[in-house]
Amino acid sequence: MGAQKKFLILAMIMALAFVAFSTTTPYEDNTQTTSLRGVSRLLASPRVVVSMKCDKYPRMCRVRGSPGPDCCNKKCVNVSKDRFNCGKCGRRCKYSEICCKGKCVNPRSDRKNCGSCNNKCKKGSSCVYGMCSYA
């Protein structure tokens, strides 16, 4: 009976320690969980990602590796390529359109942007289904 009590107390202490060390602090608001494949759950820990908003720090959009030099809705974007901020913040392209040089174009029929941006068809040919001189 004494050995069973000791084992039960030891198991409860281990469970309490696990719960105490596995809780997150209130300062960690942006956590990304990693895949647990090949790693035990006890050893896996969430990564903390610090996110700076460009509304407070607009110069951060111009650093190397940034998605774009412009700040729209607290996110760095490139208004000459972004479908959701094409030409200016908040201008969305239609479902079938893409943003080329700040203008919404249909790459399936636009001769100057056939299939992708800046893909011009030769003189006399047309753009059909995103291909120049189709059929």
N, C-alpha and C. Protein backbone atom coordinates (compact mmCIF):
# COMPACT_ATOMS: atom_id res chain seq x y z
N MET A 1 0.82 -1.20 0.00
CA MET A 1 0.00 0.00 0.00
C MET A 1 0.86 1.26 0.00
N GLY A 2 1.97 1.24 0.66
CA GLY A 2 2.86 2.39 0.72
C GLY A 2 3.47 2.70 -0.63
N ALA A 3 3.81 1.69 -1.41
CA ALA A 3 4.41 1.90 -2.72
C ALA A 3 3.39 2.49 -3.70
N GLN A 4 2.13 2.06 -3.57
CA GLN A 4 1.09 2.59 -4.45
C GLN A 4 0.84 4.06 -4.15
N LYS A 5 0.85 4.45 -2.88
CA LYS A 5 0.65 5.86 -2.52
C LYS A 5 1.79 6.72 -3.05
N LYS A 6 3.01 6.24 -2.93
CA LYS A 6 4.17 6.98 -3.41
C LYS A 6 4.09 7.15 -4.93
N PHE A 7 3.71 6.10 -5.63
CA PHE A 7 3.58 6.17 -7.08
C PHE A 7 2.50 7.16 -7.49
N LEU A 8 1.36 7.16 -6.79
CA LEU A 8 0.26 8.08 -7.09
C LEU A 8 0.68 9.53 -6.84
N ILE A 9 1.38 9.78 -5.75
CA ILE A 9 1.84 11.14 -5.44
C ILE A 9 2.86 11.59 -6.48
N LEU A 10 3.77 10.72 -6.87
CA LEU A 10 4.77 11.04 -7.88
C LEU A 10 4.10 11.36 -9.23
N ALA A 11 3.08 10.59 -9.60
CA ALA A 11 2.37 10.83 -10.85
C ALA A 11 1.63 12.16 -10.81
N MET A 12 1.05 12.52 -9.68
CA MET A 12 0.34 13.80 -9.56
C MET A 12 1.32 14.97 -9.64
N ILE A 13 2.49 14.83 -9.04
CA ILE A 13 3.50 15.90 -9.09
C ILE A 13 3.99 16.09 -10.53
N MET A 14 4.18 15.00 -11.25
CA MET A 14 4.62 15.09 -12.65
C MET A 14 3.54 15.74 -13.51
N ALA A 15 2.28 15.42 -13.27
CA ALA A 15 1.18 16.01 -14.04
C ALA A 15 1.09 17.51 -13.76
N LEU A 16 1.23 17.92 -12.51
CA LEU A 16 1.21 19.33 -12.16
C LEU A 16 2.37 20.08 -12.82
N ALA A 17 3.55 19.49 -12.81
CA ALA A 17 4.71 20.12 -13.43
C ALA A 17 4.50 20.27 -14.92
N PHE A 18 3.94 19.25 -15.55
CA PHE A 18 3.68 19.31 -16.99
C PHE A 18 2.68 20.42 -17.32
N VAL A 19 1.62 20.55 -16.55
CA VAL A 19 0.62 21.59 -16.78
C VAL A 19 1.22 22.97 -16.54
N ALA A 20 2.03 23.11 -15.52
CA ALA A 20 2.62 24.42 -15.20
C ALA A 20 3.58 24.87 -16.29
N PHE A 21 4.36 23.96 -16.87
CA PHE A 21 5.33 24.33 -17.88
C PHE A 21 4.73 24.40 -19.28
N SER A 22 3.58 23.84 -19.50
CA SER A 22 3.01 23.84 -20.85
C SER A 22 2.08 25.02 -21.09
N THR A 23 1.69 25.77 -20.08
CA THR A 23 0.82 26.93 -20.29
C THR A 23 1.63 28.06 -20.88
N THR A 24 0.99 28.89 -21.69
CA THR A 24 1.68 30.02 -22.32
C THR A 24 1.50 31.26 -21.47
N THR A 25 2.40 32.18 -21.66
CA THR A 25 2.30 33.45 -20.94
C THR A 25 1.34 34.37 -21.67
N PRO A 26 0.76 35.36 -21.00
CA PRO A 26 -0.18 36.25 -21.68
C PRO A 26 0.47 37.14 -22.72
N TYR A 27 1.82 37.19 -22.80
CA TYR A 27 2.49 38.04 -23.75
C TYR A 27 2.61 37.40 -25.12
N GLU A 28 2.41 36.11 -25.21
CA GLU A 28 2.51 35.40 -26.49
C GLU A 28 1.15 35.41 -27.16
N ASP A 29 0.95 36.36 -28.08
CA ASP A 29 -0.35 36.42 -28.74
C ASP A 29 -0.31 35.80 -30.13
N ASN A 30 0.82 35.81 -30.80
CA ASN A 30 0.93 35.22 -32.14
C ASN A 30 1.80 33.97 -32.04
N THR A 31 1.19 32.81 -31.98
CA THR A 31 1.95 31.58 -31.93
C THR A 31 1.61 30.74 -33.13
N GLN A 32 2.62 30.09 -33.66
CA GLN A 32 2.42 29.15 -34.75
C GLN A 32 2.81 27.78 -34.25
N THR A 33 1.93 26.84 -34.41
CA THR A 33 2.26 25.49 -34.00
C THR A 33 3.02 24.81 -35.12
N THR A 34 3.94 23.98 -34.74
CA THR A 34 4.71 23.25 -35.72
C THR A 34 4.14 21.85 -35.84
N SER A 35 4.52 21.16 -36.87
CA SER A 35 4.07 19.79 -37.07
C SER A 35 4.68 18.91 -35.98
N LEU A 36 3.88 18.00 -35.47
CA LEU A 36 4.35 17.12 -34.41
C LEU A 36 4.84 15.79 -34.96
N ARG A 37 4.95 15.68 -36.27
CA ARG A 37 5.41 14.43 -36.87
C ARG A 37 6.88 14.22 -36.51
N GLY A 38 7.18 13.12 -35.87
CA GLY A 38 8.54 12.79 -35.52
C GLY A 38 9.02 13.43 -34.23
N VAL A 39 8.20 14.20 -33.56
CA VAL A 39 8.58 14.86 -32.31
C VAL A 39 7.50 14.56 -31.28
N SER A 40 7.94 14.24 -30.07
CA SER A 40 6.95 13.96 -29.04
C SER A 40 6.26 15.25 -28.62
N ARG A 41 5.04 15.15 -28.19
CA ARG A 41 4.28 16.34 -27.81
C ARG A 41 4.88 17.04 -26.61
N LEU A 42 5.53 16.31 -25.76
CA LEU A 42 6.13 16.90 -24.57
C LEU A 42 7.26 17.85 -24.96
N LEU A 43 8.00 17.51 -26.04
CA LEU A 43 9.13 18.33 -26.44
C LEU A 43 8.77 19.43 -27.42
N ALA A 44 7.61 19.33 -28.06
CA ALA A 44 7.21 20.35 -29.04
C ALA A 44 6.80 21.62 -28.32
N SER A 45 7.27 22.76 -28.84
CA SER A 45 6.89 24.03 -28.24
C SER A 45 6.48 24.99 -29.33
N PRO A 46 5.53 25.86 -29.05
CA PRO A 46 5.10 26.82 -30.07
C PRO A 46 6.17 27.88 -30.31
N ARG A 47 6.26 28.34 -31.59
CA ARG A 47 7.18 29.42 -31.91
C ARG A 47 6.45 30.74 -31.75
N VAL A 48 7.11 31.72 -31.22
CA VAL A 48 6.52 33.04 -31.05
C VAL A 48 6.92 33.90 -32.25
N VAL A 49 5.93 34.48 -32.91
CA VAL A 49 6.18 35.33 -34.07
C VAL A 49 5.79 36.76 -33.69
N VAL A 50 6.75 37.66 -33.78
CA VAL A 50 6.49 39.05 -33.47
C VAL A 50 6.05 39.73 -34.76
N SER A 51 4.88 40.32 -34.76
CA SER A 51 4.41 40.98 -35.97
C SER A 51 4.33 42.49 -35.73
N MET A 52 5.04 43.21 -36.57
CA MET A 52 5.00 44.66 -36.51
C MET A 52 4.01 45.14 -37.56
N LYS A 53 3.26 46.14 -37.23
CA LYS A 53 2.26 46.69 -38.15
C LYS A 53 2.85 47.90 -38.85
N CYS A 54 2.59 48.01 -40.16
CA CYS A 54 3.19 49.10 -40.91
C CYS A 54 2.48 50.43 -40.69
N ASP A 55 1.31 50.43 -40.04
CA ASP A 55 0.68 51.72 -39.77
C ASP A 55 1.48 52.52 -38.74
N LYS A 56 2.17 51.83 -37.84
CA LYS A 56 3.01 52.51 -36.86
C LYS A 56 4.43 52.69 -37.37
N TYR A 57 4.89 51.75 -38.21
CA TYR A 57 6.25 51.77 -38.74
C TYR A 57 6.19 51.65 -40.27
N PRO A 58 5.84 52.72 -40.99
CA PRO A 58 5.66 52.61 -42.45
C PRO A 58 6.95 52.31 -43.21
N ARG A 59 8.10 52.63 -42.65
CA ARG A 59 9.37 52.38 -43.34
C ARG A 59 9.71 50.90 -43.38
N MET A 60 9.04 50.09 -42.57
CA MET A 60 9.36 48.67 -42.55
C MET A 60 8.95 47.98 -43.85
N CYS A 61 8.08 48.59 -44.63
CA CYS A 61 7.66 48.00 -45.90
C CYS A 61 8.73 48.12 -46.98
N ARG A 62 9.72 48.96 -46.76
CA ARG A 62 10.75 49.18 -47.77
C ARG A 62 11.99 48.33 -47.54
N VAL A 63 12.03 47.52 -46.50
CA VAL A 63 13.20 46.69 -46.24
C VAL A 63 13.21 45.49 -47.18
N ARG A 64 14.38 44.92 -47.36
CA ARG A 64 14.52 43.75 -48.23
C ARG A 64 13.74 42.57 -47.65
N GLY A 65 13.02 41.86 -48.51
CA GLY A 65 12.23 40.72 -48.08
C GLY A 65 10.79 41.06 -47.74
N SER A 66 10.44 42.33 -47.79
CA SER A 66 9.07 42.75 -47.51
C SER A 66 8.19 42.40 -48.71
N PRO A 67 6.90 42.08 -48.49
CA PRO A 67 6.01 41.77 -49.61
C PRO A 67 5.82 42.94 -50.57
N GLY A 68 5.98 44.15 -50.11
CA GLY A 68 5.82 45.30 -50.99
C GLY A 68 6.13 46.60 -50.28
N PRO A 69 6.32 47.69 -51.03
CA PRO A 69 6.71 48.95 -50.43
C PRO A 69 5.56 49.81 -49.91
N ASP A 70 4.32 49.38 -50.11
CA ASP A 70 3.18 50.20 -49.72
C ASP A 70 2.46 49.59 -48.52
N CYS A 71 1.87 50.44 -47.69
CA CYS A 71 1.15 49.98 -46.51
C CYS A 71 -0.36 50.14 -46.72
N CYS A 72 -1.08 49.03 -46.72
CA CYS A 72 -2.54 49.04 -46.87
C CYS A 72 -3.15 48.16 -45.79
N ASN A 73 -4.04 48.72 -45.01
CA ASN A 73 -4.73 47.99 -43.95
C ASN A 73 -3.76 47.28 -43.02
N LYS A 74 -2.73 47.98 -42.61
CA LYS A 74 -1.72 47.50 -41.66
C LYS A 74 -0.88 46.36 -42.21
N LYS A 75 -0.83 46.20 -43.55
CA LYS A 75 -0.01 45.15 -44.16
C LYS A 75 0.80 45.76 -45.29
N CYS A 76 2.02 45.23 -45.46
CA CYS A 76 2.86 45.68 -46.56
C CYS A 76 2.43 44.96 -47.83
N VAL A 77 2.14 45.72 -48.88
CA VAL A 77 1.71 45.16 -50.16
C VAL A 77 2.38 45.90 -51.30
N ASN A 78 2.31 45.32 -52.49
CA ASN A 78 2.79 45.97 -53.70
C ASN A 78 1.55 46.31 -54.52
N VAL A 79 1.16 47.57 -54.57
CA VAL A 79 -0.09 47.96 -55.24
C VAL A 79 -0.02 47.81 -56.76
N SER A 80 1.14 47.55 -57.31
CA SER A 80 1.22 47.33 -58.76
C SER A 80 0.98 45.87 -59.12
N LYS A 81 0.97 44.95 -58.12
CA LYS A 81 0.77 43.52 -58.39
C LYS A 81 -0.31 42.86 -57.54
N ASP A 82 -0.70 43.45 -56.44
CA ASP A 82 -1.62 42.81 -55.50
C ASP A 82 -3.06 42.88 -55.99
N ARG A 83 -3.75 41.74 -56.10
CA ARG A 83 -5.13 41.69 -56.58
C ARG A 83 -6.10 42.39 -55.65
N PHE A 84 -5.79 42.45 -54.37
CA PHE A 84 -6.71 43.04 -53.39
C PHE A 84 -6.45 44.52 -53.15
N ASN A 85 -5.36 45.03 -53.65
CA ASN A 85 -5.01 46.45 -53.55
C ASN A 85 -4.35 46.87 -54.86
N CYS A 86 -5.09 46.85 -55.94
CA CYS A 86 -4.55 47.09 -57.27
C CYS A 86 -4.59 48.57 -57.62
N GLY A 87 -3.43 49.20 -57.68
CA GLY A 87 -3.35 50.62 -58.01
C GLY A 87 -3.47 51.50 -56.80
N LYS A 88 -4.32 51.13 -55.86
CA LYS A 88 -4.46 51.87 -54.61
C LYS A 88 -5.04 50.92 -53.55
N CYS A 89 -4.98 51.33 -52.32
CA CYS A 89 -5.46 50.49 -51.22
C CYS A 89 -6.96 50.25 -51.34
N GLY A 90 -7.35 49.00 -51.24
CA GLY A 90 -8.76 48.66 -51.21
C GLY A 90 -9.39 48.37 -52.56
N ARG A 91 -8.71 48.64 -53.66
CA ARG A 91 -9.28 48.36 -55.00
C ARG A 91 -9.02 46.88 -55.31
N ARG A 92 -10.10 46.12 -55.40
CA ARG A 92 -10.00 44.69 -55.66
C ARG A 92 -10.29 44.37 -57.11
N CYS A 93 -9.51 43.46 -57.67
CA CYS A 93 -9.77 43.00 -59.03
C CYS A 93 -10.85 41.93 -58.98
N LYS A 94 -11.57 41.79 -60.09
CA LYS A 94 -12.60 40.75 -60.18
C LYS A 94 -11.95 39.38 -60.12
N TYR A 95 -12.77 38.36 -59.98
CA TYR A 95 -12.26 37.00 -59.81
C TYR A 95 -11.36 36.56 -60.96
N SER A 96 -11.72 36.87 -62.19
CA SER A 96 -10.96 36.40 -63.34
C SER A 96 -9.81 37.34 -63.73
N GLU A 97 -9.62 38.42 -63.00
CA GLU A 97 -8.61 39.42 -63.35
C GLU A 97 -7.38 39.32 -62.47
N ILE A 98 -6.27 39.84 -62.98
CA ILE A 98 -5.03 39.96 -62.21
C ILE A 98 -4.60 41.42 -62.25
N CYS A 99 -3.70 41.79 -61.37
CA CYS A 99 -3.23 43.18 -61.30
C CYS A 99 -1.88 43.29 -62.00
N CYS A 100 -1.85 44.10 -63.06
CA CYS A 100 -0.62 44.35 -63.81
C CYS A 100 -0.38 45.85 -63.87
N LYS A 101 0.74 46.28 -63.31
CA LYS A 101 1.13 47.70 -63.28
C LYS A 101 0.03 48.58 -62.67
N GLY A 102 -0.66 48.07 -61.68
CA GLY A 102 -1.68 48.85 -60.98
C GLY A 102 -3.02 48.90 -61.66
N LYS A 103 -3.24 48.06 -62.68
CA LYS A 103 -4.53 48.02 -63.37
C LYS A 103 -5.04 46.58 -63.39
N CYS A 104 -6.35 46.41 -63.21
CA CYS A 104 -6.95 45.09 -63.27
C CYS A 104 -7.16 44.70 -64.73
N VAL A 105 -6.60 43.57 -65.13
CA VAL A 105 -6.73 43.11 -66.51
C VAL A 105 -7.16 41.65 -66.52
N ASN A 106 -7.79 41.23 -67.61
CA ASN A 106 -8.18 39.84 -67.79
C ASN A 106 -7.10 39.16 -68.64
N PRO A 107 -6.29 38.28 -68.05
CA PRO A 107 -5.18 37.68 -68.79
C PRO A 107 -5.63 36.69 -69.86
N ARG A 108 -6.92 36.36 -69.89
CA ARG A 108 -7.41 35.42 -70.90
C ARG A 108 -7.75 36.12 -72.22
N SER A 109 -7.89 37.47 -72.19
CA SER A 109 -8.27 38.16 -73.42
C SER A 109 -7.51 39.46 -73.67
N ASP A 110 -6.66 39.91 -72.78
CA ASP A 110 -5.94 41.16 -72.95
C ASP A 110 -4.68 40.93 -73.79
N ARG A 111 -4.54 41.63 -74.91
CA ARG A 111 -3.42 41.43 -75.82
C ARG A 111 -2.08 41.87 -75.23
N LYS A 112 -2.10 42.84 -74.32
CA LYS A 112 -0.85 43.33 -73.72
C LYS A 112 -0.42 42.49 -72.52
N ASN A 113 -1.33 41.75 -71.95
CA ASN A 113 -1.05 40.90 -70.78
C ASN A 113 -1.70 39.54 -71.00
N CYS A 114 -1.30 38.84 -72.03
CA CYS A 114 -1.93 37.58 -72.42
C CYS A 114 -1.35 36.43 -71.61
N GLY A 115 -2.13 35.88 -70.71
CA GLY A 115 -1.69 34.78 -69.86
C GLY A 115 -1.00 35.23 -68.59
N SER A 116 -0.23 36.30 -68.66
CA SER A 116 0.45 36.87 -67.49
C SER A 116 0.79 38.33 -67.80
N CYS A 117 1.28 39.02 -66.82
CA CYS A 117 1.60 40.44 -66.99
C CYS A 117 2.74 40.61 -68.01
N ASN A 118 2.61 41.64 -68.83
CA ASN A 118 3.62 42.05 -69.82
C ASN A 118 3.92 40.99 -70.88
N ASN A 119 3.00 40.09 -71.13
CA ASN A 119 3.16 39.11 -72.20
C ASN A 119 2.35 39.61 -73.40
N LYS A 120 3.02 40.32 -74.31
CA LYS A 120 2.33 40.96 -75.43
C LYS A 120 2.23 40.01 -76.61
N CYS A 121 1.06 40.03 -77.24
CA CYS A 121 0.87 39.26 -78.46
C CYS A 121 1.44 40.03 -79.64
N LYS A 122 1.88 39.32 -80.67
CA LYS A 122 2.44 39.96 -81.87
C LYS A 122 1.33 40.69 -82.61
N LYS A 123 1.74 41.58 -83.48
CA LYS A 123 0.80 42.37 -84.27
C LYS A 123 -0.05 41.43 -85.13
N GLY A 124 -1.34 41.66 -85.12
CA GLY A 124 -2.25 40.87 -85.93
C GLY A 124 -2.79 39.63 -85.23
N SER A 125 -2.20 39.24 -84.11
CA SER A 125 -2.71 38.06 -83.39
C SER A 125 -3.57 38.52 -82.21
N SER A 126 -4.41 37.64 -81.77
CA SER A 126 -5.29 37.97 -80.65
C SER A 126 -4.99 37.07 -79.46
N CYS A 127 -5.50 37.45 -78.31
CA CYS A 127 -5.32 36.67 -77.08
C CYS A 127 -6.62 35.94 -76.78
N VAL A 128 -6.58 34.62 -76.81
CA VAL A 128 -7.75 33.81 -76.52
C VAL A 128 -7.34 32.75 -75.50
N TYR A 129 -8.09 32.64 -74.41
CA TYR A 129 -7.82 31.67 -73.34
C TYR A 129 -6.41 31.85 -72.77
N GLY A 130 -5.90 33.05 -72.79
CA GLY A 130 -4.57 33.32 -72.23
C GLY A 130 -3.43 32.91 -73.13
N MET A 131 -3.72 32.65 -74.42
CA MET A 131 -2.67 32.26 -75.36
C MET A 131 -2.77 33.12 -76.61
N CYS A 132 -1.63 33.55 -77.11
CA CYS A 132 -1.62 34.34 -78.34
C CYS A 132 -1.81 33.44 -79.54
N SER A 133 -2.61 33.88 -80.49
CA SER A 133 -2.90 33.16 -81.73
C SER A 133 -3.39 31.73 -81.46
N TYR A 134 -4.34 31.60 -80.57
CA TYR A 134 -4.90 30.29 -80.26
C TYR A 134 -5.73 29.81 -81.44
N ALA A 135 -5.54 28.61 -81.86
CA ALA A 135 -6.26 27.90 -82.93
C ALA A 135 -6.10 28.49 -84.27
